[in-house]
């Protein structure tokens, strides 16, 4: 299969071409504000199965269904409770996925065998236009090979999936850089399943107390059933083994420096890079005080290590507040929760 690269900025027919391919049951890489998505008709189980084949994704990992209008929620979810409506009013369109009981028309392959479904209304204008052109809701996990760092440019998608999908729509670099926040409203209380572009603090401003799933703190066994993407299996990972070092920028830099060997790499804050100059392969992902920039850069930085000879990577980790929770979660997942916590035992 030859993968087409469609550029709406240069070709006014690119959106309609993507829509036609999706209507025909093909898989297309599309831009969103978070990361690039690997889209197919969410209502067509055969088309959805091609997503799993292209990514090498486990079949029990549920997909998120993307819509381009609030009216579409009624066609996908069995209920749209007041809490969900309040979240939608506050943060849709945007980087938020809400898990609700699903309608029967959503195939089990889309929902990962669950009776619930994650729904997202992306804010990226090209994503919205493609959904409208396709005329159906789109199932779309991140457009990368399963387990690898997510893709934030069309070139990243081409590197991973060229020849495995029908087309990629180039919408430029993603502005958020980490996947959407996933919150479940299917239990007794709201539960955060995956941190992302909408912070826990923003969720709590609408919902009150939100429980945090243990998958954000520890590795989930591969045999467990999960309700959202990215909760188990090794995700977001470069080829080399990653070790996360959590502590102040100064303390973590000192610790990492002492561990470095001949084939070590360092993922660090911009302001700590000079500490490792000439000692290791260094990739930076933003200033220590700018979690939004870290979110935009972290996947790009992790991907760049695959072009090096590094066999191990030591990574600094931001505090877990605001969007920093999403960044730290992605780095910890890339490491398989192999974490050195320099704050343990401190008052």
C-alpha atoms as a PDB file:
ATOM      1  CA  UNK A   1       0.000   0.000   0.000  1.00  0.00           C
ATOM      2  CA  UNK A   2       1.257   3.474  -0.874  1.00  0.00           C
ATOM      3  CA  UNK A   3       0.468   5.995   1.849  1.00  0.00           C
ATOM      4  CA  UNK A   4      -0.648   9.347   0.439  1.00  0.00           C
ATOM      5  CA  UNK A   5       0.389  12.584   2.126  1.00  0.00           C
ATOM      6  CA  UNK A   6      -2.498  15.050   1.927  1.00  0.00           C
ATOM      7  CA  UNK A   7      -1.804  18.729   2.632  1.00  0.00           C
ATOM      8  CA  UNK A   8      -4.923  20.923   3.070  1.00  0.00           C
ATOM      9  CA  UNK A   9      -2.788  24.074   2.981  1.00  0.00           C
ATOM     10  CA  UNK A  10      -1.693  23.218  -0.567  1.00  0.00           C
ATOM     11  CA  UNK A  11      -4.590  21.123  -1.889  1.00  0.00           C
ATOM     12  CA  UNK A  12      -8.194  22.285  -1.315  1.00  0.00           C
ATOM     13  CA  UNK A  13      -9.444  18.750  -2.055  1.00  0.00           C
ATOM     14  CA  UNK A  14      -7.359  17.116   0.706  1.00  0.00           C
ATOM     15  CA  UNK A  15     -10.141  17.128   3.311  1.00  0.00           C
ATOM     16  CA  UNK A  16     -12.674  15.580   0.952  1.00  0.00           C
ATOM     17  CA  UNK A  17     -10.126  12.976  -0.167  1.00  0.00           C
ATOM     18  CA  UNK A  18      -9.595  11.987   3.463  1.00  0.00           C
ATOM     19  CA  UNK A  19     -13.349  11.851   4.048  1.00  0.00           C
ATOM     20  CA  UNK A  20     -13.856   9.625   1.000  1.00  0.00           C
ATOM     21  CA  UNK A  21     -11.158   7.222   2.145  1.00  0.00           C
ATOM     22  CA  UNK A  22     -12.708   6.993   5.606  1.00  0.00           C
ATOM     23  CA  UNK A  23     -16.167   6.377   4.145  1.00  0.00           C
ATOM     24  CA  UNK A  24     -14.628   3.573   2.093  1.00  0.00           C
ATOM     25  CA  UNK A  25     -13.354   1.853   5.253  1.00  0.00           C
ATOM     26  CA  UNK A  26      -9.727   2.987   5.008  1.00  0.00           C
ATOM     27  CA  UNK A  27      -7.478   4.171   7.838  1.00  0.00           C
ATOM     28  CA  UNK A  28      -6.157   7.755   7.721  1.00  0.00           C
ATOM     29  CA  UNK A  29      -3.711   9.623   9.955  1.00  0.00           C
ATOM     30  CA  UNK A  30      -5.258  12.938  11.003  1.00  0.00           C
ATOM     31  CA  UNK A  31      -4.045  15.921  13.046  1.00  0.00           C
ATOM     32  CA  UNK A  32      -5.652  16.930  16.313  1.00  0.00           C
ATOM     33  CA  UNK A  33      -4.613  19.540  18.859  1.00  0.00           C
ATOM     34  CA  UNK A  34      -3.202  16.808  21.135  1.00  0.00           C
ATOM     35  CA  UNK A  35      -1.374  14.268  18.933  1.00  0.00           C
ATOM     36  CA  UNK A  36      -1.989  12.803  15.481  1.00  0.00           C
ATOM     37  CA  UNK A  37      -4.761  10.201  15.421  1.00  0.00           C
ATOM     38  CA  UNK A  38      -5.150   7.016  13.390  1.00  0.00           C
ATOM     39  CA  UNK A  39      -8.742   7.338  12.228  1.00  0.00           C
ATOM     40  CA  UNK A  40     -11.347   4.947  10.849  1.00  0.00           C
ATOM     41  CA  UNK A  41     -15.143   4.767  10.802  1.00  0.00           C
ATOM     42  CA  UNK A  42     -16.025   4.052  14.439  1.00  0.00           C
ATOM     43  CA  UNK A  43     -19.255   2.305  13.389  1.00  0.00           C
ATOM     44  CA  UNK A  44     -17.569  -0.169  11.026  1.00  0.00           C
ATOM     45  CA  UNK A  45     -15.943  -3.080  12.880  1.00  0.00           C
ATOM     46  CA  UNK A  46     -13.886  -4.109   9.853  1.00  0.00           C
ATOM     47  CA  UNK A  47     -12.496  -0.596   9.406  1.00  0.00           C
ATOM     48  CA  UNK A  48     -11.737  -0.364  13.133  1.00  0.00           C
ATOM     49  CA  UNK A  49      -9.924  -3.710  13.034  1.00  0.00           C
ATOM     50  CA  UNK A  50      -7.557  -2.205  10.459  1.00  0.00           C
ATOM     51  CA  UNK A  51      -6.484   0.382  13.082  1.00  0.00           C
ATOM     52  CA  UNK A  52      -5.353  -2.400  15.400  1.00  0.00           C
ATOM     53  CA  UNK A  53      -3.550  -4.152  12.531  1.00  0.00           C
ATOM     54  CA  UNK A  54      -1.713  -1.003  11.424  1.00  0.00           C
ATOM     55  CA  UNK A  55      -0.589  -0.111  14.960  1.00  0.00           C
ATOM     56  CA  UNK A  56       0.054  -3.631  16.227  1.00  0.00           C
ATOM     57  CA  UNK A  57      -2.270  -2.639  19.053  1.00  0.00           C
ATOM     58  CA  UNK A  58      -3.753  -5.155  21.549  1.00  0.00           C
ATOM     59  CA  UNK A  59      -7.453  -5.701  20.829  1.00  0.00           C
ATOM     60  CA  UNK A  60      -8.479  -5.109  24.458  1.00  0.00           C
ATOM     61  CA  UNK A  61      -7.199  -1.522  24.380  1.00  0.00           C
ATOM     62  CA  UNK A  62     -10.325   0.631  23.836  1.00  0.00           C
ATOM     63  CA  UNK A  63     -10.441   3.395  21.238  1.00  0.00           C
ATOM     64  CA  UNK A  64     -11.732   6.953  21.582  1.00  0.00           C
ATOM     65  CA  UNK A  65     -14.564   8.062  19.307  1.00  0.00           C
ATOM     66  CA  UNK A  66     -14.154  11.552  17.843  1.00  0.00           C
ATOM     67  CA  UNK A  67     -17.099  13.773  16.940  1.00  0.00           C
ATOM     68  CA  UNK A  68     -17.569  17.215  15.402  1.00  0.00           C
ATOM     69  CA  UNK A  69     -20.802  18.309  17.090  1.00  0.00           C
ATOM     70  CA  UNK A  70     -22.498  17.868  20.451  1.00  0.00           C
ATOM     71  CA  UNK A  71     -25.548  16.401  18.708  1.00  0.00           C
ATOM     72  CA  UNK A  72     -23.444  13.339  17.860  1.00  0.00           C
ATOM     73  CA  UNK A  73     -23.151  12.363  21.533  1.00  0.00           C
ATOM     74  CA  UNK A  74     -26.733  11.075  21.520  1.00  0.00           C
ATOM     75  CA  UNK A  75     -25.842   8.668  18.686  1.00  0.00           C
ATOM     76  CA  UNK A  76     -22.872   7.214  20.568  1.00  0.00           C
ATOM     77  CA  UNK A  77     -23.651   7.332  24.292  1.00  0.00           C
ATOM     78  CA  UNK A  78     -26.652   5.703  25.958  1.00  0.00           C
ATOM     79  CA  UNK A  79     -26.827   8.600  28.435  1.00  0.00           C
ATOM     80  CA  UNK A  80     -25.482  12.151  28.600  1.00  0.00           C
ATOM     81  CA  UNK A  81     -25.784  13.024  32.306  1.00  0.00           C
ATOM     82  CA  UNK A  82     -25.565  16.554  33.735  1.00  0.00           C
ATOM     83  CA  UNK A  83     -21.938  16.055  34.798  1.00  0.00           C
ATOM     84  CA  UNK A  84     -20.961  15.191  31.241  1.00  0.00           C
ATOM     85  CA  UNK A  85     -22.911  18.128  29.885  1.00  0.00           C
ATOM     86  CA  UNK A  86     -21.131  20.450  32.304  1.00  0.00           C
ATOM     87  CA  UNK A  87     -17.730  19.136  31.217  1.00  0.00           C
ATOM     88  CA  UNK A  88     -18.688  19.478  27.567  1.00  0.00           C
ATOM     89  CA  UNK A  89     -19.796  23.055  28.096  1.00  0.00           C
ATOM     90  CA  UNK A  90     -16.525  23.885  29.855  1.00  0.00           C
ATOM     91  CA  UNK A  91     -13.947  22.008  27.771  1.00  0.00           C
ATOM     92  CA  UNK A  92     -15.404  20.910  24.403  1.00  0.00           C
ATOM     93  CA  UNK A  93     -14.179  21.241  21.794  1.00  0.00           C
ATOM     94  CA  UNK A  94     -10.839  20.447  23.368  1.00  0.00           C
ATOM     95  CA  UNK A  95      -8.437  17.814  24.739  1.00  0.00           C
ATOM     96  CA  UNK A  96     -10.949  15.959  26.923  1.00  0.00           C
ATOM     97  CA  UNK A  97     -12.396  12.457  26.541  1.00  0.00           C
ATOM     98  CA  UNK A  98     -15.513  11.543  28.535  1.00  0.00           C
ATOM     99  CA  UNK A  99     -16.345   7.871  29.120  1.00  0.00           C
ATOM    100  CA  UNK A 100     -20.058   7.054  29.141  1.00  0.00           C
ATOM    101  CA  UNK A 101     -22.269   3.966  28.649  1.00  0.00           C
ATOM    102  CA  UNK A 102     -22.340   3.215  24.920  1.00  0.00           C
ATOM    103  CA  UNK A 103     -25.102   2.759  22.390  1.00  0.00           C
ATOM    104  CA  UNK A 104     -25.371  -0.704  20.810  1.00  0.00           C
ATOM    105  CA  UNK A 105     -24.388   0.753  17.433  1.00  0.00           C
ATOM    106  CA  UNK A 106     -20.812   1.205  18.714  1.00  0.00           C
ATOM    107  CA  UNK A 107     -19.065  -2.098  17.915  1.00  0.00           C
ATOM    108  CA  UNK A 108     -17.354  -3.981  20.704  1.00  0.00           C
ATOM    109  CA  UNK A 109     -14.070  -3.824  18.770  1.00  0.00           C
ATOM    110  CA  UNK A 110     -14.221  -0.029  19.081  1.00  0.00           C
ATOM    111  CA  UNK A 111     -14.884  -0.104  22.823  1.00  0.00           C
ATOM    112  CA  UNK A 112     -12.333  -2.812  23.608  1.00  0.00           C
ATOM    113  CA  UNK A 113     -15.085  -5.253  24.563  1.00  0.00           C
ATOM    114  CA  UNK A 114     -16.615  -2.869  27.096  1.00  0.00           C
ATOM    115  CA  UNK A 115     -20.157  -1.493  27.405  1.00  0.00           C
ATOM    116  CA  UNK A 116     -18.707   2.000  27.716  1.00  0.00           C
ATOM    117  CA  UNK A 117     -17.199   4.360  25.164  1.00  0.00           C
ATOM    118  CA  UNK A 118     -14.813   7.311  25.287  1.00  0.00           C
ATOM    119  CA  UNK A 119     -16.013  10.362  23.354  1.00  0.00           C
ATOM    120  CA  UNK A 120     -13.984  13.405  22.343  1.00  0.00           C
ATOM    121  CA  UNK A 121     -14.803  16.607  20.422  1.00  0.00           C
ATOM    122  CA  UNK A 122     -11.398  17.826  19.162  1.00  0.00           C
ATOM    123  CA  UNK A 123     -10.762  21.526  18.683  1.00  0.00           C
ATOM    124  CA  UNK A 124      -8.397  21.183  15.706  1.00  0.00           C
ATOM    125  CA  UNK A 125     -10.215  22.677  12.684  1.00  0.00           C
ATOM    126  CA  UNK A 126      -8.800  20.109  10.259  1.00  0.00           C
ATOM    127  CA  UNK A 127      -9.893  17.232  12.515  1.00  0.00           C
ATOM    128  CA  UNK A 128     -13.389  18.700  12.696  1.00  0.00           C
ATOM    129  CA  UNK A 129     -13.492  19.157   8.922  1.00  0.00           C
ATOM    130  CA  UNK A 130     -12.391  15.565   8.284  1.00  0.00           C
ATOM    131  CA  UNK A 131     -15.030  14.158  10.651  1.00  0.00           C
ATOM    132  CA  UNK A 132     -17.673  16.214   8.862  1.00  0.00           C
ATOM    133  CA  UNK A 133     -16.384  15.129   5.435  1.00  0.00           C
ATOM    134  CA  UNK A 134     -16.446  11.469   6.493  1.00  0.00           C
ATOM    135  CA  UNK A 135     -20.020  11.822   7.786  1.00  0.00           C
ATOM    136  CA  UNK A 136     -19.397   9.337  10.613  1.00  0.00           C
ATOM    137  CA  UNK A 137     -17.758   9.437  14.048  1.00  0.00           C
ATOM    138  CA  UNK A 138     -14.125   8.409  13.893  1.00  0.00           C
ATOM    139  CA  UNK A 139     -12.314   5.993  16.171  1.00  0.00           C
ATOM    140  CA  UNK A 140      -8.784   7.362  16.488  1.00  0.00           C
ATOM    141  CA  UNK A 141      -6.000   6.257  18.824  1.00  0.00           C
ATOM    142  CA  UNK A 142      -2.606   7.939  18.518  1.00  0.00           C
ATOM    143  CA  UNK A 143      -1.059   7.439  15.072  1.00  0.00           C
ATOM    144  CA  UNK A 144       2.066   5.527  16.091  1.00  0.00           C
ATOM    145  CA  UNK A 145       3.190   1.940  16.272  1.00  0.00           C
ATOM    146  CA  UNK A 146       1.890   0.489  19.528  1.00  0.00           C
ATOM    147  CA  UNK A 147       4.214   1.233  22.435  1.00  0.00           C
ATOM    148  CA  UNK A 148       6.245   3.935  20.667  1.00  0.00           C
ATOM    149  CA  UNK A 149       6.124   7.641  21.542  1.00  0.00           C
ATOM    150  CA  UNK A 150       3.020   9.314  20.159  1.00  0.00           C
ATOM    151  CA  UNK A 151       3.212  11.344  16.961  1.00  0.00           C
ATOM    152  CA  UNK A 152       2.957  15.137  16.935  1.00  0.00           C
ATOM    153  CA  UNK A 153       3.831  15.772  13.269  1.00  0.00           C
ATOM    154  CA  UNK A 154       2.804  14.178   9.976  1.00  0.00           C
ATOM    155  CA  UNK A 155       6.430  13.145   9.448  1.00  0.00           C
ATOM    156  CA  UNK A 156       6.338  11.130  12.691  1.00  0.00           C
ATOM    157  CA  UNK A 157       3.252   9.292  11.399  1.00  0.00           C
ATOM    158  CA  UNK A 158       4.979   8.590   8.086  1.00  0.00           C
ATOM    159  CA  UNK A 159       8.022   7.203   9.919  1.00  0.00           C
ATOM    160  CA  UNK A 160       5.881   4.723  11.854  1.00  0.00           C
ATOM    161  CA  UNK A 161       3.086   3.815   9.447  1.00  0.00           C
ATOM    162  CA  UNK A 162       4.155   4.464   5.855  1.00  0.00           C
ATOM    163  CA  UNK A 163       2.776   1.631   3.734  1.00  0.00           C
ATOM    164  CA  UNK A 164       0.330   0.456   6.423  1.00  0.00           C
ATOM    165  CA  UNK A 165      -2.406   3.096   6.038  1.00  0.00           C
ATOM    166  CA  UNK A 166      -4.131   4.808   3.122  1.00  0.00           C
ATOM    167  CA  UNK A 167      -3.209   8.438   3.845  1.00  0.00           C
ATOM    168  CA  UNK A 168      -1.881  11.005   6.288  1.00  0.00           C
ATOM    169  CA  UNK A 169      -3.301  14.524   6.488  1.00  0.00           C
ATOM    170  CA  UNK A 170      -0.616  17.085   7.324  1.00  0.00           C
ATOM    171  CA  UNK A 171      -2.015  19.693   9.686  1.00  0.00           C
ATOM    172  CA  UNK A 172       1.294  20.902  11.068  1.00  0.00           C
ATOM    173  CA  UNK A 173       2.697  20.314  14.570  1.00  0.00           C
ATOM    174  CA  UNK A 174       0.246  19.570  17.383  1.00  0.00           C
ATOM    175  CA  UNK A 175      -0.212  22.416  19.852  1.00  0.00           C
ATOM    176  CA  UNK A 176      -0.902  20.442  23.066  1.00  0.00           C
ATOM    177  CA  UNK A 177       1.512  17.558  22.498  1.00  0.00           C
ATOM    178  CA  UNK A 178       0.103  14.960  24.914  1.00  0.00           C
ATOM    179  CA  UNK A 179      -3.086  12.974  24.483  1.00  0.00           C
ATOM    180  CA  UNK A 180      -6.477  14.023  25.785  1.00  0.00           C
ATOM    181  CA  UNK A 181      -7.477  13.746  29.420  1.00  0.00           C
ATOM    182  CA  UNK A 182      -9.766  10.746  29.980  1.00  0.00           C
ATOM    183  CA  UNK A 183     -12.394  10.926  32.723  1.00  0.00           C
ATOM    184  CA  UNK A 184     -14.960   8.209  33.422  1.00  0.00           C
ATOM    185  CA  UNK A 185     -18.477   9.098  34.521  1.00  0.00           C
ATOM    186  CA  UNK A 186     -19.623   5.474  34.677  1.00  0.00           C
ATOM    187  CA  UNK A 187     -18.996   4.807  38.361  1.00  0.00           C
ATOM    188  CA  UNK A 188     -20.242   6.207  41.643  1.00  0.00           C
ATOM    189  CA  UNK A 189     -17.792   9.114  41.370  1.00  0.00           C
ATOM    190  CA  UNK A 190     -15.867  10.707  38.498  1.00  0.00           C
ATOM    191  CA  UNK A 191     -12.506   9.014  37.951  1.00  0.00           C
ATOM    192  CA  UNK A 192      -9.460  10.314  36.118  1.00  0.00           C
ATOM    193  CA  UNK A 193      -8.106   7.467  33.985  1.00  0.00           C
ATOM    194  CA  UNK A 194      -5.504   9.373  31.959  1.00  0.00           C
ATOM    195  CA  UNK A 195      -4.142  12.882  32.523  1.00  0.00           C
ATOM    196  CA  UNK A 196      -3.806  15.087  29.472  1.00  0.00           C
ATOM    197  CA  UNK A 197      -4.475  18.525  28.069  1.00  0.00           C
ATOM    198  CA  UNK A 198      -7.186  19.265  30.654  1.00  0.00           C
ATOM    199  CA  UNK A 199      -5.738  19.152  34.158  1.00  0.00           C
ATOM    200  CA  UNK A 200      -7.123  17.381  37.210  1.00  0.00           C
ATOM    201  CA  UNK A 201      -7.613  20.817  38.754  1.00  0.00           C
ATOM    202  CA  UNK A 202      -9.746  21.884  35.789  1.00  0.00           C
ATOM    203  CA  UNK A 203     -11.878  18.744  36.096  1.00  0.00           C
ATOM    204  CA  UNK A 204     -12.399  19.360  39.802  1.00  0.00           C
ATOM    205  CA  UNK A 205     -13.458  22.957  39.107  1.00  0.00           C
ATOM    206  CA  UNK A 206     -16.498  21.486  37.298  1.00  0.00           C
ATOM    207  CA  UNK A 207     -17.088  18.151  39.034  1.00  0.00           C
ATOM    208  CA  UNK A 208     -15.813  18.631  42.569  1.00  0.00           C
ATOM    209  CA  UNK A 209     -13.712  15.722  43.852  1.00  0.00           C
ATOM    210  CA  UNK A 210     -12.347  13.443  41.122  1.00  0.00           C
ATOM    211  CA  UNK A 211     -10.808  10.096  42.018  1.00  0.00           C
ATOM    212  CA  UNK A 212      -7.444   9.293  40.441  1.00  0.00           C
ATOM    213  CA  UNK A 213      -7.033   5.781  39.061  1.00  0.00           C
ATOM    214  CA  UNK A 214      -4.093   3.784  40.375  1.00  0.00           C
ATOM    215  CA  UNK A 215      -2.872   3.303  36.775  1.00  0.00           C
ATOM    216  CA  UNK A 216      -1.461   6.835  37.045  1.00  0.00           C
ATOM    217  CA  UNK A 217       0.796   5.774  39.913  1.00  0.00           C
ATOM    218  CA  UNK A 218       1.791   2.186  39.137  1.00  0.00           C
ATOM    219  CA  UNK A 219       2.092  -0.376  36.353  1.00  0.00           C
ATOM    220  CA  UNK A 220      -1.134  -2.231  35.622  1.00  0.00           C
ATOM    221  CA  UNK A 221      -0.945  -5.975  34.996  1.00  0.00           C
ATOM    222  CA  UNK A 222      -1.413  -6.864  31.331  1.00  0.00           C
ATOM    223  CA  UNK A 223      -4.243  -9.279  32.207  1.00  0.00           C
ATOM    224  CA  UNK A 224      -6.431  -6.557  33.736  1.00  0.00           C
ATOM    225  CA  UNK A 225      -9.360  -5.043  31.831  1.00  0.00           C
ATOM    226  CA  UNK A 226      -9.096  -1.275  31.475  1.00  0.00           C
ATOM    227  CA  UNK A 227     -11.544   1.437  30.427  1.00  0.00           C
ATOM    228  CA  UNK A 228      -9.263   3.842  28.584  1.00  0.00           C
ATOM    229  CA  UNK A 229      -6.261   3.809  26.257  1.00  0.00           C
ATOM    230  CA  UNK A 230      -2.780   3.944  27.737  1.00  0.00           C
ATOM    231  CA  UNK A 231      -3.662   2.459  31.131  1.00  0.00           C
ATOM    232  CA  UNK A 232      -1.585  -0.700  30.699  1.00  0.00           C
ATOM    233  CA  UNK A 233       1.167  -2.075  28.466  1.00  0.00           C
ATOM    234  CA  UNK A 234       4.400  -0.169  27.921  1.00  0.00           C
ATOM    235  CA  UNK A 235       3.582   3.076  26.147  1.00  0.00           C
ATOM    236  CA  UNK A 236       5.330   6.120  24.697  1.00  0.00           C
ATOM    237  CA  UNK A 237       8.696   4.353  24.824  1.00  0.00           C
ATOM    238  CA  UNK A 238      11.866   4.751  22.769  1.00  0.00           C
ATOM    239  CA  UNK A 239      13.962   1.649  22.069  1.00  0.00           C
ATOM    240  CA  UNK A 240      16.370   2.249  24.979  1.00  0.00           C
ATOM    241  CA  UNK A 241      15.331   1.559  28.573  1.00  0.00           C
ATOM    242  CA  UNK A 242      14.199   4.712  30.379  1.00  0.00           C
ATOM    243  CA  UNK A 243      14.735   5.446  34.076  1.00  0.00           C
ATOM    244  CA  UNK A 244      12.791   8.348  35.558  1.00  0.00           C
ATOM    245  CA  UNK A 245      14.464  10.429  38.255  1.00  0.00           C
ATOM    246  CA  UNK A 246      11.988  12.454  40.298  1.00  0.00           C
ATOM    247  CA  UNK A 247      13.152  15.356  42.456  1.00  0.00           C
ATOM    248  CA  UNK A 248      14.154  18.983  42.154  1.00  0.00           C
ATOM    249  CA  UNK A 249      15.887  19.873  38.867  1.00  0.00           C
ATOM    250  CA  UNK A 250      19.186  20.323  40.698  1.00  0.00           C
ATOM    251  CA  UNK A 251      18.964  17.068  42.685  1.00  0.00           C
ATOM    252  CA  UNK A 252      17.818  14.965  39.728  1.00  0.00           C
ATOM    253  CA  UNK A 253      20.567  16.420  37.514  1.00  0.00           C
ATOM    254  CA  UNK A 254      23.207  15.574  40.108  1.00  0.00           C
ATOM    255  CA  UNK A 255      21.900  12.014  40.486  1.00  0.00           C
ATOM    256  CA  UNK A 256      21.730  11.427  36.740  1.00  0.00           C
ATOM    257  CA  UNK A 257      25.231  12.798  36.172  1.00  0.00           C
ATOM    258  CA  UNK A 258      26.624  10.263  38.633  1.00  0.00           C
ATOM    259  CA  UNK A 259      24.980   7.349  36.799  1.00  0.00           C
ATOM    260  CA  UNK A 260      26.046   8.089  33.237  1.00  0.00           C
ATOM    261  CA  UNK A 261      27.947   5.506  31.228  1.00  0.00           C
ATOM    262  CA  UNK A 262      29.342   5.205  27.724  1.00  0.00           C
ATOM    263  CA  UNK A 263      25.977   4.712  25.966  1.00  0.00           C
ATOM    264  CA  UNK A 264      23.764   6.805  28.232  1.00  0.00           C
ATOM    265  CA  UNK A 265      21.248   9.387  27.132  1.00  0.00           C
ATOM    266  CA  UNK A 266      19.622  12.149  29.159  1.00  0.00           C
ATOM    267  CA  UNK A 267      16.142  13.621  28.740  1.00  0.00           C
ATOM    268  CA  UNK A 268      16.339  16.851  30.679  1.00  0.00           C
ATOM    269  CA  UNK A 269      14.972  20.350  31.171  1.00  0.00           C
ATOM    270  CA  UNK A 270      16.501  23.051  28.975  1.00  0.00           C
ATOM    271  CA  UNK A 271      18.109  24.755  31.957  1.00  0.00           C
ATOM    272  CA  UNK A 272      19.913  21.552  33.006  1.00  0.00           C
ATOM    273  CA  UNK A 273      21.354  20.612  29.599  1.00  0.00           C
ATOM    274  CA  UNK A 274      24.747  22.248  30.159  1.00  0.00           C
ATOM    275  CA  UNK A 275      25.303  19.926  33.141  1.00  0.00           C
ATOM    276  CA  UNK A 276      25.575  16.938  30.765  1.00  0.00           C
ATOM    277  CA  UNK A 277      27.407  18.510  27.816  1.00  0.00           C
ATOM    278  CA  UNK A 278      30.056  16.118  26.499  1.00  0.00           C
ATOM    279  CA  UNK A 279      29.037  13.440  28.984  1.00  0.00           C
ATOM    280  CA  UNK A 280      25.981  11.874  27.267  1.00  0.00           C
ATOM    281  CA  UNK A 281      23.528  12.220  24.406  1.00  0.00           C
ATOM    282  CA  UNK A 282      21.218  15.002  25.585  1.00  0.00           C
ATOM    283  CA  UNK A 283      17.674  15.776  24.463  1.00  0.00           C
ATOM    284  CA  UNK A 284      15.746  18.609  26.094  1.00  0.00           C
ATOM    285  CA  UNK A 285      11.978  19.025  26.425  1.00  0.00           C
ATOM    286  CA  UNK A 286      11.422  22.537  27.715  1.00  0.00           C
ATOM    287  CA  UNK A 287      12.325  24.703  30.721  1.00  0.00           C
ATOM    288  CA  UNK A 288      11.867  23.208  34.187  1.00  0.00           C
ATOM    289  CA  UNK A 289       9.151  25.743  34.979  1.00  0.00           C
ATOM    290  CA  UNK A 290       7.102  25.402  31.767  1.00  0.00           C
ATOM    291  CA  UNK A 291       4.986  22.238  31.808  1.00  0.00           C
ATOM    292  CA  UNK A 292       3.006  23.299  28.714  1.00  0.00           C
ATOM    293  CA  UNK A 293       6.209  23.460  26.664  1.00  0.00           C
ATOM    294  CA  UNK A 294       7.315  20.122  28.128  1.00  0.00           C
ATOM    295  CA  UNK A 295       4.028  18.599  26.944  1.00  0.00           C
ATOM    296  CA  UNK A 296       4.610  19.886  23.406  1.00  0.00           C
ATOM    297  CA  UNK A 297       8.199  18.611  23.289  1.00  0.00           C
ATOM    298  CA  UNK A 298       8.346  15.372  25.290  1.00  0.00           C
ATOM    299  CA  UNK A 299       7.326  12.913  22.563  1.00  0.00           C
ATOM    300  CA  UNK A 300       9.577  14.561  19.965  1.00  0.00           C
ATOM    301  CA  UNK A 301      12.501  14.326  22.366  1.00  0.00           C
ATOM    302  CA  UNK A 302      11.849  10.665  23.192  1.00  0.00           C
ATOM    303  CA  UNK A 303      11.658   9.841  19.488  1.00  0.00           C
ATOM    304  CA  UNK A 304      15.003  11.479  18.751  1.00  0.00           C
ATOM    305  CA  UNK A 305      16.802   8.976  20.981  1.00  0.00           C
ATOM    306  CA  UNK A 306      16.000   6.234  18.463  1.00  0.00           C
ATOM    307  CA  UNK A 307      18.465   7.878  16.057  1.00  0.00           C
ATOM    308  CA  UNK A 308      21.295   7.460  18.588  1.00  0.00           C
ATOM    309  CA  UNK A 309      23.326   4.574  20.035  1.00  0.00           C
ATOM    310  CA  UNK A 310      21.894   5.027  23.522  1.00  0.00           C
ATOM    311  CA  UNK A 311      21.105   1.829  25.396  1.00  0.00           C
ATOM    312  CA  UNK A 312      19.800   3.608  28.496  1.00  0.00           C
ATOM    313  CA  UNK A 313      18.085   6.938  29.090  1.00  0.00           C
ATOM    314  CA  UNK A 314      17.796   8.878  32.337  1.00  0.00           C
ATOM    315  CA  UNK A 315      14.863  11.298  32.395  1.00  0.00           C
ATOM    316  CA  UNK A 316      14.081  14.265  34.606  1.00  0.00           C
ATOM    317  CA  UNK A 317      10.440  14.505  35.612  1.00  0.00           C
ATOM    318  CA  UNK A 318       8.256  17.565  36.322  1.00  0.00           C
ATOM    319  CA  UNK A 319       6.000  17.987  39.372  1.00  0.00           C
ATOM    320  CA  UNK A 320       2.568  16.376  39.093  1.00  0.00           C
ATOM    321  CA  UNK A 321       0.381  19.465  39.096  1.00  0.00           C
ATOM    322  CA  UNK A 322      -1.519  21.029  36.201  1.00  0.00           C
ATOM    323  CA  UNK A 323      -0.491  19.599  32.825  1.00  0.00           C
ATOM    324  CA  UNK A 324       2.712  18.460  34.531  1.00  0.00           C
ATOM    325  CA  UNK A 325       0.719  15.421  35.709  1.00  0.00           C
ATOM    326  CA  UNK A 326       0.259  14.386  32.070  1.00  0.00           C
ATOM    327  CA  UNK A 327       3.921  14.946  31.214  1.00  0.00           C
ATOM    328  CA  UNK A 328       5.180  12.991  34.228  1.00  0.00           C
ATOM    329  CA  UNK A 329       2.681  10.205  33.466  1.00  0.00           C
ATOM    330  CA  UNK A 330       3.962   9.846  29.905  1.00  0.00           C
ATOM    331  CA  UNK A 331       7.597   9.742  30.996  1.00  0.00           C
ATOM    332  CA  UNK A 332       6.839   7.194  33.720  1.00  0.00           C
ATOM    333  CA  UNK A 333       4.897   5.041  31.232  1.00  0.00           C
ATOM    334  CA  UNK A 334       7.819   5.257  28.794  1.00  0.00           C
ATOM    335  CA  UNK A 335       9.986   3.915  31.614  1.00  0.00           C
ATOM    336  CA  UNK A 336       7.569   1.150  32.553  1.00  0.00           C
ATOM    337  CA  UNK A 337       7.372   2.885  35.964  1.00  0.00           C
ATOM    338  CA  UNK A 338      11.103   2.358  36.577  1.00  0.00           C
ATOM    339  CA  UNK A 339      11.394   5.361  38.903  1.00  0.00           C
ATOM    340  CA  UNK A 340      14.052   6.756  41.225  1.00  0.00           C
ATOM    341  CA  UNK A 341      12.255   9.057  43.684  1.00  0.00           C
ATOM    342  CA  UNK A 342      14.722  11.378  45.384  1.00  0.00           C
ATOM    343  CA  UNK A 343      11.952  12.902  47.523  1.00  0.00           C
ATOM    344  CA  UNK A 344      11.135   9.708  49.428  1.00  0.00           C
ATOM    345  CA  UNK A 345      11.723  10.131  53.129  1.00  0.00           C
ATOM    346  CA  UNK A 346      11.866  13.906  52.927  1.00  0.00           C
ATOM    347  CA  UNK A 347       9.673  15.894  55.285  1.00  0.00           C
END
